[in-house]
């Protein structure tokens, strides 16, 4: 409907938490050559196009409740899809024991398992769990890596305020789509209509049939180590609400 070119696969295919300078330059050069009207969707940290002499793109993103992200990711690692991918990529290699697949997130936290320890200011991770939601916005500097770091959070907030047209949240999808429609109309015109039209197929995409669950006391225990990540999350939601309210005020004036 909007005559878009959606691009999902870029030149840098890595699951590392940050890009090297060479990888950043490769991705910047490649993205700058995309045809007009392209949307490049990628799990990548913020890149400074202007500093390296490239035209600044329109940046948008989504955030999610930090603990809900972690719980969903925990069960995604244990899904049958991930298991099938592992068997296809590493035929004959020993898999994790069945107990690992069946262990709940709450049991993992209570047992003190390294997979479920979220240590403030830690840089090294035992697994690639991408618990630093703020890292996507802070960038690729080593200063962005310490988990739940106040410095990294402040840099991420500055990036959102100055570099991103819209940072939405899927918990508030109608508000997010409304703001995207008005702030980035070239790419998101009729977004709410199209979402409603395709809502059934969207709900069933990437669904993990093992329902993520966390005991309330465990949630509170884990939340104490995500204080700054929650500050960032609420900052993004507040900014989104302000954009939405500004649109409502504008509509009331006309």
C-alpha atoms as a PDB file:
ATOM      1  CA  UNK A   1       0.000   0.000   0.000  1.00  0.00           C
ATOM      2  CA  UNK A   2       2.844   2.398   0.850  1.00  0.00           C
ATOM      3  CA  UNK A   3       5.197   1.139  -1.896  1.00  0.00           C
ATOM      4  CA  UNK A   4       7.955   0.039   0.464  1.00  0.00           C
ATOM      5  CA  UNK A   5      11.065  -2.073   0.115  1.00  0.00           C
ATOM      6  CA  UNK A   6      11.462  -4.104   3.329  1.00  0.00           C
ATOM      7  CA  UNK A   7      14.999  -5.399   3.925  1.00  0.00           C
ATOM      8  CA  UNK A   8      15.597  -7.980   6.660  1.00  0.00           C
ATOM      9  CA  UNK A   9      19.127  -9.225   6.042  1.00  0.00           C
ATOM     10  CA  UNK A  10      22.075  -6.865   6.177  1.00  0.00           C
ATOM     11  CA  UNK A  11      25.775  -7.412   5.448  1.00  0.00           C
ATOM     12  CA  UNK A  12      26.780  -8.116   9.066  1.00  0.00           C
ATOM     13  CA  UNK A  13      25.371 -11.417  10.310  1.00  0.00           C
ATOM     14  CA  UNK A  14      26.540 -11.774  13.897  1.00  0.00           C
ATOM     15  CA  UNK A  15      24.930 -12.212  17.300  1.00  0.00           C
ATOM     16  CA  UNK A  16      27.640 -10.262  19.094  1.00  0.00           C
ATOM     17  CA  UNK A  17      26.361  -7.621  21.475  1.00  0.00           C
ATOM     18  CA  UNK A  18      28.287  -4.812  19.756  1.00  0.00           C
ATOM     19  CA  UNK A  19      29.717  -4.140  16.301  1.00  0.00           C
ATOM     20  CA  UNK A  20      33.413  -3.626  15.640  1.00  0.00           C
ATOM     21  CA  UNK A  21      34.400  -0.392  13.888  1.00  0.00           C
ATOM     22  CA  UNK A  22      34.863  -2.335  10.649  1.00  0.00           C
ATOM     23  CA  UNK A  23      31.428  -3.963  10.981  1.00  0.00           C
ATOM     24  CA  UNK A  24      29.835  -0.593  11.712  1.00  0.00           C
ATOM     25  CA  UNK A  25      31.385   0.964   8.602  1.00  0.00           C
ATOM     26  CA  UNK A  26      30.320  -2.015   6.468  1.00  0.00           C
ATOM     27  CA  UNK A  27      26.733  -1.717   7.666  1.00  0.00           C
ATOM     28  CA  UNK A  28      26.678   2.076   7.289  1.00  0.00           C
ATOM     29  CA  UNK A  29      27.952   1.959   3.722  1.00  0.00           C
ATOM     30  CA  UNK A  30      25.537  -0.815   2.786  1.00  0.00           C
ATOM     31  CA  UNK A  31      22.494   0.845   4.385  1.00  0.00           C
ATOM     32  CA  UNK A  32      23.304   4.167   2.704  1.00  0.00           C
ATOM     33  CA  UNK A  33      23.068   2.485  -0.705  1.00  0.00           C
ATOM     34  CA  UNK A  34      19.570   1.088  -0.170  1.00  0.00           C
ATOM     35  CA  UNK A  35      16.976   2.352  -2.630  1.00  0.00           C
ATOM     36  CA  UNK A  36      14.656   5.170  -1.633  1.00  0.00           C
ATOM     37  CA  UNK A  37      11.651   3.965   0.337  1.00  0.00           C
ATOM     38  CA  UNK A  38      13.511   1.093   2.037  1.00  0.00           C
ATOM     39  CA  UNK A  39      12.915  -0.086   5.585  1.00  0.00           C
ATOM     40  CA  UNK A  40      15.884  -1.922   7.072  1.00  0.00           C
ATOM     41  CA  UNK A  41      14.865  -4.064  10.061  1.00  0.00           C
ATOM     42  CA  UNK A  42      17.672  -5.448  12.185  1.00  0.00           C
ATOM     43  CA  UNK A  43      18.685  -6.351  15.732  1.00  0.00           C
ATOM     44  CA  UNK A  44      21.555  -3.908  15.799  1.00  0.00           C
ATOM     45  CA  UNK A  45      22.739  -1.129  18.079  1.00  0.00           C
ATOM     46  CA  UNK A  46      22.427   2.525  17.151  1.00  0.00           C
ATOM     47  CA  UNK A  47      24.923   3.549  14.472  1.00  0.00           C
ATOM     48  CA  UNK A  48      26.246   7.100  14.028  1.00  0.00           C
ATOM     49  CA  UNK A  49      25.684   7.766  10.338  1.00  0.00           C
ATOM     50  CA  UNK A  50      26.501  11.484  10.533  1.00  0.00           C
ATOM     51  CA  UNK A  51      29.859  11.102  12.278  1.00  0.00           C
ATOM     52  CA  UNK A  52      31.146   8.930   9.433  1.00  0.00           C
ATOM     53  CA  UNK A  53      29.798  11.204   6.712  1.00  0.00           C
ATOM     54  CA  UNK A  54      26.550   9.442   5.808  1.00  0.00           C
ATOM     55  CA  UNK A  55      23.036  10.856   5.611  1.00  0.00           C
ATOM     56  CA  UNK A  56      21.088  10.292   8.801  1.00  0.00           C
ATOM     57  CA  UNK A  57      18.184   7.823   8.367  1.00  0.00           C
ATOM     58  CA  UNK A  58      14.817   7.848  10.149  1.00  0.00           C
ATOM     59  CA  UNK A  59      15.334   5.779  13.283  1.00  0.00           C
ATOM     60  CA  UNK A  60      12.402   3.992  14.943  1.00  0.00           C
ATOM     61  CA  UNK A  61      12.314   1.149  17.454  1.00  0.00           C
ATOM     62  CA  UNK A  62      10.245  -0.695  20.055  1.00  0.00           C
ATOM     63  CA  UNK A  63      10.805  -1.386  23.745  1.00  0.00           C
ATOM     64  CA  UNK A  64       9.248  -3.965  26.017  1.00  0.00           C
ATOM     65  CA  UNK A  65       8.926  -4.502  29.763  1.00  0.00           C
ATOM     66  CA  UNK A  66      12.495  -5.553  30.704  1.00  0.00           C
ATOM     67  CA  UNK A  67      11.561  -8.614  32.742  1.00  0.00           C
ATOM     68  CA  UNK A  68       8.921  -9.754  30.271  1.00  0.00           C
ATOM     69  CA  UNK A  69      11.661  -9.601  27.603  1.00  0.00           C
ATOM     70  CA  UNK A  70      13.935 -11.796  29.694  1.00  0.00           C
ATOM     71  CA  UNK A  71      11.262 -14.349  30.538  1.00  0.00           C
ATOM     72  CA  UNK A  72      10.146 -14.595  26.895  1.00  0.00           C
ATOM     73  CA  UNK A  73      13.774 -15.002  25.783  1.00  0.00           C
ATOM     74  CA  UNK A  74      14.360 -17.664  28.437  1.00  0.00           C
ATOM     75  CA  UNK A  75      11.524 -19.820  27.114  1.00  0.00           C
ATOM     76  CA  UNK A  76      12.388 -19.082  23.503  1.00  0.00           C
ATOM     77  CA  UNK A  77      15.808 -20.690  24.076  1.00  0.00           C
ATOM     78  CA  UNK A  78      13.934 -23.782  25.245  1.00  0.00           C
ATOM     79  CA  UNK A  79      11.401 -23.906  22.405  1.00  0.00           C
ATOM     80  CA  UNK A  80      11.111 -26.816  19.999  1.00  0.00           C
ATOM     81  CA  UNK A  81      12.023 -24.457  17.174  1.00  0.00           C
ATOM     82  CA  UNK A  82      15.389 -23.647  18.766  1.00  0.00           C
ATOM     83  CA  UNK A  83      15.926 -27.310  19.509  1.00  0.00           C
ATOM     84  CA  UNK A  84      15.266 -28.252  15.885  1.00  0.00           C
ATOM     85  CA  UNK A  85      17.645 -25.538  14.649  1.00  0.00           C
ATOM     86  CA  UNK A  86      20.387 -26.842  16.975  1.00  0.00           C
ATOM     87  CA  UNK A  87      19.927 -30.414  15.698  1.00  0.00           C
ATOM     88  CA  UNK A  88      20.054 -29.233  12.090  1.00  0.00           C
ATOM     89  CA  UNK A  89      23.139 -27.082  12.597  1.00  0.00           C
ATOM     90  CA  UNK A  90      25.032 -29.520  14.840  1.00  0.00           C
ATOM     91  CA  UNK A  91      23.929 -33.058  13.934  1.00  0.00           C
ATOM     92  CA  UNK A  92      25.125 -35.609  16.461  1.00  0.00           C
ATOM     93  CA  UNK A  93      26.289 -33.007  18.974  1.00  0.00           C
ATOM     94  CA  UNK A  94      25.226 -33.608  22.559  1.00  0.00           C
ATOM     95  CA  UNK A  95      22.196 -31.560  23.546  1.00  0.00           C
ATOM     96  CA  UNK A  96      21.395 -30.035  26.901  1.00  0.00           C
ATOM     97  CA  UNK A  97      19.618 -32.420  29.267  1.00  0.00           C
ATOM     98  CA  UNK A  98      15.840 -32.642  29.296  1.00  0.00           C
ATOM     99  CA  UNK A  99      15.792 -31.069  32.766  1.00  0.00           C
ATOM    100  CA  UNK A 100      17.254 -27.895  31.264  1.00  0.00           C
ATOM    101  CA  UNK A 101      14.421 -27.660  28.743  1.00  0.00           C
ATOM    102  CA  UNK A 102      11.749 -28.276  31.389  1.00  0.00           C
ATOM    103  CA  UNK A 103      13.117 -25.922  34.059  1.00  0.00           C
ATOM    104  CA  UNK A 104      10.924 -22.868  34.651  1.00  0.00           C
ATOM    105  CA  UNK A 105      12.316 -19.352  34.864  1.00  0.00           C
ATOM    106  CA  UNK A 106      11.303 -19.117  38.533  1.00  0.00           C
ATOM    107  CA  UNK A 107      13.143 -22.371  39.310  1.00  0.00           C
ATOM    108  CA  UNK A 108      16.196 -21.095  37.451  1.00  0.00           C
ATOM    109  CA  UNK A 109      16.301 -17.885  39.510  1.00  0.00           C
ATOM    110  CA  UNK A 110      15.721 -19.623  42.832  1.00  0.00           C
ATOM    111  CA  UNK A 111      18.439 -22.189  42.142  1.00  0.00           C
ATOM    112  CA  UNK A 112      21.033 -19.467  41.577  1.00  0.00           C
ATOM    113  CA  UNK A 113      21.795 -20.810  38.110  1.00  0.00           C
ATOM    114  CA  UNK A 114      24.270 -18.585  36.259  1.00  0.00           C
ATOM    115  CA  UNK A 115      21.804 -18.287  33.370  1.00  0.00           C
ATOM    116  CA  UNK A 116      19.391 -16.438  35.656  1.00  0.00           C
ATOM    117  CA  UNK A 117      21.779 -14.164  37.522  1.00  0.00           C
ATOM    118  CA  UNK A 118      21.463 -10.517  36.555  1.00  0.00           C
ATOM    119  CA  UNK A 119      24.418  -8.823  38.205  1.00  0.00           C
ATOM    120  CA  UNK A 120      24.495  -4.989  38.007  1.00  0.00           C
ATOM    121  CA  UNK A 121      27.533  -3.553  36.182  1.00  0.00           C
ATOM    122  CA  UNK A 122      28.511  -6.971  34.849  1.00  0.00           C
ATOM    123  CA  UNK A 123      30.043  -7.016  31.366  1.00  0.00           C
ATOM    124  CA  UNK A 124      30.704 -10.699  30.785  1.00  0.00           C
ATOM    125  CA  UNK A 125      27.662 -12.904  30.163  1.00  0.00           C
ATOM    126  CA  UNK A 126      27.441 -16.649  30.614  1.00  0.00           C
ATOM    127  CA  UNK A 127      24.951 -16.774  27.742  1.00  0.00           C
ATOM    128  CA  UNK A 128      23.936 -14.321  25.042  1.00  0.00           C
ATOM    129  CA  UNK A 129      20.684 -13.270  26.646  1.00  0.00           C
ATOM    130  CA  UNK A 130      20.673  -9.626  25.484  1.00  0.00           C
ATOM    131  CA  UNK A 131      19.283  -8.442  28.820  1.00  0.00           C
ATOM    132  CA  UNK A 132      20.527  -4.902  28.112  1.00  0.00           C
ATOM    133  CA  UNK A 133      17.588  -3.407  26.213  1.00  0.00           C
ATOM    134  CA  UNK A 134      19.259  -0.005  26.555  1.00  0.00           C
ATOM    135  CA  UNK A 135      22.313  -1.280  24.647  1.00  0.00           C
ATOM    136  CA  UNK A 136      20.430  -1.102  21.343  1.00  0.00           C
ATOM    137  CA  UNK A 137      20.055   2.637  21.873  1.00  0.00           C
ATOM    138  CA  UNK A 138      23.309   3.428  23.682  1.00  0.00           C
ATOM    139  CA  UNK A 139      25.430   2.130  20.812  1.00  0.00           C
ATOM    140  CA  UNK A 140      28.621   0.140  20.342  1.00  0.00           C
ATOM    141  CA  UNK A 141      30.910   1.835  22.848  1.00  0.00           C
ATOM    142  CA  UNK A 142      32.403  -0.366  25.621  1.00  0.00           C
ATOM    143  CA  UNK A 143      30.816   2.096  28.071  1.00  0.00           C
ATOM    144  CA  UNK A 144      27.405   0.824  26.966  1.00  0.00           C
ATOM    145  CA  UNK A 145      28.078  -2.768  28.043  1.00  0.00           C
ATOM    146  CA  UNK A 146      27.923  -2.758  31.882  1.00  0.00           C
ATOM    147  CA  UNK A 147      24.507  -4.148  32.784  1.00  0.00           C
ATOM    148  CA  UNK A 148      22.024  -1.758  34.433  1.00  0.00           C
ATOM    149  CA  UNK A 149      24.638   0.998  34.359  1.00  0.00           C
ATOM    150  CA  UNK A 150      23.316   4.534  35.031  1.00  0.00           C
ATOM    151  CA  UNK A 151      25.781   5.949  32.481  1.00  0.00           C
ATOM    152  CA  UNK A 152      24.629   3.613  29.703  1.00  0.00           C
ATOM    153  CA  UNK A 153      20.996   4.405  30.517  1.00  0.00           C
ATOM    154  CA  UNK A 154      21.565   8.163  30.305  1.00  0.00           C
ATOM    155  CA  UNK A 155      23.318   7.807  26.941  1.00  0.00           C
ATOM    156  CA  UNK A 156      20.468   5.600  25.687  1.00  0.00           C
ATOM    157  CA  UNK A 157      17.886   8.190  26.790  1.00  0.00           C
ATOM    158  CA  UNK A 158      19.813  10.940  25.004  1.00  0.00           C
ATOM    159  CA  UNK A 159      19.909   8.857  21.820  1.00  0.00           C
ATOM    160  CA  UNK A 160      16.149   8.263  21.979  1.00  0.00           C
ATOM    161  CA  UNK A 161      15.466  11.958  22.473  1.00  0.00           C
ATOM    162  CA  UNK A 162      17.755  13.193  19.710  1.00  0.00           C
ATOM    163  CA  UNK A 163      18.029  10.362  17.187  1.00  0.00           C
ATOM    164  CA  UNK A 164      14.749   8.427  17.127  1.00  0.00           C
ATOM    165  CA  UNK A 165      11.561   9.685  15.522  1.00  0.00           C
ATOM    166  CA  UNK A 166       9.477   7.156  17.434  1.00  0.00           C
ATOM    167  CA  UNK A 167      10.223   4.528  20.065  1.00  0.00           C
ATOM    168  CA  UNK A 168       7.033   2.601  20.632  1.00  0.00           C
ATOM    169  CA  UNK A 169       6.031  -0.306  22.814  1.00  0.00           C
ATOM    170  CA  UNK A 170       4.012  -3.325  21.751  1.00  0.00           C
ATOM    171  CA  UNK A 171       2.197  -3.269  25.097  1.00  0.00           C
ATOM    172  CA  UNK A 172       0.606  -0.048  23.771  1.00  0.00           C
ATOM    173  CA  UNK A 173       0.293  -1.068  20.144  1.00  0.00           C
ATOM    174  CA  UNK A 174      -2.611   1.202  19.199  1.00  0.00           C
ATOM    175  CA  UNK A 175      -0.836   4.269  20.599  1.00  0.00           C
ATOM    176  CA  UNK A 176       2.418   3.172  18.935  1.00  0.00           C
ATOM    177  CA  UNK A 177       0.780   2.694  15.541  1.00  0.00           C
ATOM    178  CA  UNK A 178      -1.077   6.005  15.834  1.00  0.00           C
ATOM    179  CA  UNK A 179       2.166   7.878  16.532  1.00  0.00           C
ATOM    180  CA  UNK A 180       3.990   6.066  13.732  1.00  0.00           C
ATOM    181  CA  UNK A 181       1.221   6.936  11.277  1.00  0.00           C
ATOM    182  CA  UNK A 182       1.550  10.640  12.042  1.00  0.00           C
ATOM    183  CA  UNK A 183       5.278  10.996  12.668  1.00  0.00           C
ATOM    184  CA  UNK A 184       6.491   8.713   9.856  1.00  0.00           C
ATOM    185  CA  UNK A 185       3.570   8.768   7.357  1.00  0.00           C
ATOM    186  CA  UNK A 186       5.696   7.840   4.335  1.00  0.00           C
ATOM    187  CA  UNK A 187       6.212   4.383   5.808  1.00  0.00           C
ATOM    188  CA  UNK A 188       3.309   3.897   8.232  1.00  0.00           C
ATOM    189  CA  UNK A 189       0.281   5.393   6.557  1.00  0.00           C
ATOM    190  CA  UNK A 190      -2.789   3.212   7.379  1.00  0.00           C
ATOM    191  CA  UNK A 191      -0.723   1.182   9.892  1.00  0.00           C
ATOM    192  CA  UNK A 192      -3.662   0.647  12.275  1.00  0.00           C
ATOM    193  CA  UNK A 193      -5.933  -0.498   9.461  1.00  0.00           C
ATOM    194  CA  UNK A 194      -3.331  -2.913   8.109  1.00  0.00           C
ATOM    195  CA  UNK A 195      -2.614  -4.284  11.584  1.00  0.00           C
ATOM    196  CA  UNK A 196      -6.308  -4.934  12.196  1.00  0.00           C
ATOM    197  CA  UNK A 197      -6.651  -6.528   8.772  1.00  0.00           C
ATOM    198  CA  UNK A 198      -3.767  -8.934   9.454  1.00  0.00           C
ATOM    199  CA  UNK A 199      -4.106  -9.277  13.232  1.00  0.00           C
ATOM    200  CA  UNK A 200      -4.787 -13.036  13.158  1.00  0.00           C
ATOM    201  CA  UNK A 201      -1.630 -13.913  11.219  1.00  0.00           C
ATOM    202  CA  UNK A 202       0.422 -11.499  13.346  1.00  0.00           C
ATOM    203  CA  UNK A 203      -0.776 -13.113  16.600  1.00  0.00           C
ATOM    204  CA  UNK A 204       0.270 -16.557  15.399  1.00  0.00           C
ATOM    205  CA  UNK A 205       3.724 -15.543  14.164  1.00  0.00           C
ATOM    206  CA  UNK A 206       6.751 -16.462  16.318  1.00  0.00           C
ATOM    207  CA  UNK A 207       4.415 -17.814  18.990  1.00  0.00           C
ATOM    208  CA  UNK A 208       5.965 -19.881  21.768  1.00  0.00           C
ATOM    209  CA  UNK A 209       3.296 -22.338  22.901  1.00  0.00           C
ATOM    210  CA  UNK A 210       5.017 -22.734  26.285  1.00  0.00           C
ATOM    211  CA  UNK A 211       3.419 -19.771  28.039  1.00  0.00           C
ATOM    212  CA  UNK A 212       6.038 -17.589  29.758  1.00  0.00           C
ATOM    213  CA  UNK A 213       5.313 -17.382  33.487  1.00  0.00           C
ATOM    214  CA  UNK A 214       7.115 -15.954  36.480  1.00  0.00           C
ATOM    215  CA  UNK A 215       6.125 -16.175  40.141  1.00  0.00           C
ATOM    216  CA  UNK A 216       5.356 -12.735  41.648  1.00  0.00           C
ATOM    217  CA  UNK A 217       8.057 -12.986  44.332  1.00  0.00           C
ATOM    218  CA  UNK A 218      10.647 -13.957  41.718  1.00  0.00           C
ATOM    219  CA  UNK A 219       9.615 -11.014  39.527  1.00  0.00           C
ATOM    220  CA  UNK A 220      10.168  -8.629  42.438  1.00  0.00           C
ATOM    221  CA  UNK A 221      13.509 -10.271  43.247  1.00  0.00           C
ATOM    222  CA  UNK A 222      14.755  -9.905  39.666  1.00  0.00           C
ATOM    223  CA  UNK A 223      13.308  -6.408  39.261  1.00  0.00           C
ATOM    224  CA  UNK A 224      15.654  -5.075  41.935  1.00  0.00           C
ATOM    225  CA  UNK A 225      18.544  -5.654  39.537  1.00  0.00           C
ATOM    226  CA  UNK A 226      16.788  -3.974  36.602  1.00  0.00           C
ATOM    227  CA  UNK A 227      16.171  -0.576  38.211  1.00  0.00           C
ATOM    228  CA  UNK A 228      17.938   1.497  35.548  1.00  0.00           C
ATOM    229  CA  UNK A 229      16.626  -0.633  32.699  1.00  0.00           C
ATOM    230  CA  UNK A 230      13.128   0.097  34.001  1.00  0.00           C
ATOM    231  CA  UNK A 231      13.961   3.793  34.195  1.00  0.00           C
ATOM    232  CA  UNK A 232      14.855   3.684  30.510  1.00  0.00           C
ATOM    233  CA  UNK A 233      11.737   1.696  29.625  1.00  0.00           C
ATOM    234  CA  UNK A 234       9.434   4.137  31.418  1.00  0.00           C
ATOM    235  CA  UNK A 235      11.270   7.084  29.851  1.00  0.00           C
ATOM    236  CA  UNK A 236      10.510   5.688  26.383  1.00  0.00           C
ATOM    237  CA  UNK A 237       6.855   5.074  27.273  1.00  0.00           C
ATOM    238  CA  UNK A 238       6.486   8.589  28.671  1.00  0.00           C
ATOM    239  CA  UNK A 239       7.947  10.073  25.494  1.00  0.00           C
ATOM    240  CA  UNK A 240       5.540   7.998  23.396  1.00  0.00           C
ATOM    241  CA  UNK A 241       2.568   9.189  25.481  1.00  0.00           C
ATOM    242  CA  UNK A 242       3.665  12.813  25.049  1.00  0.00           C
ATOM    243  CA  UNK A 243       3.798  12.358  21.280  1.00  0.00           C
ATOM    244  CA  UNK A 244       0.354  10.745  21.319  1.00  0.00           C
ATOM    245  CA  UNK A 245      -1.165  13.472  23.508  1.00  0.00           C
ATOM    246  CA  UNK A 246       0.324  16.157  21.258  1.00  0.00           C
ATOM    247  CA  UNK A 247      -1.475  14.539  18.316  1.00  0.00           C
ATOM    248  CA  UNK A 248      -4.770  14.467  20.236  1.00  0.00           C
ATOM    249  CA  UNK A 249      -4.367  18.145  21.124  1.00  0.00           C
ATOM    250  CA  UNK A 250      -3.635  18.986  17.505  1.00  0.00           C
ATOM    251  CA  UNK A 251      -6.742  17.114  16.360  1.00  0.00           C
ATOM    252  CA  UNK A 252      -8.890  18.984  18.910  1.00  0.00           C
ATOM    253  CA  UNK A 253      -7.641  22.321  17.597  1.00  0.00           C
ATOM    254  CA  UNK A 254      -8.778  21.598  14.038  1.00  0.00           C
END
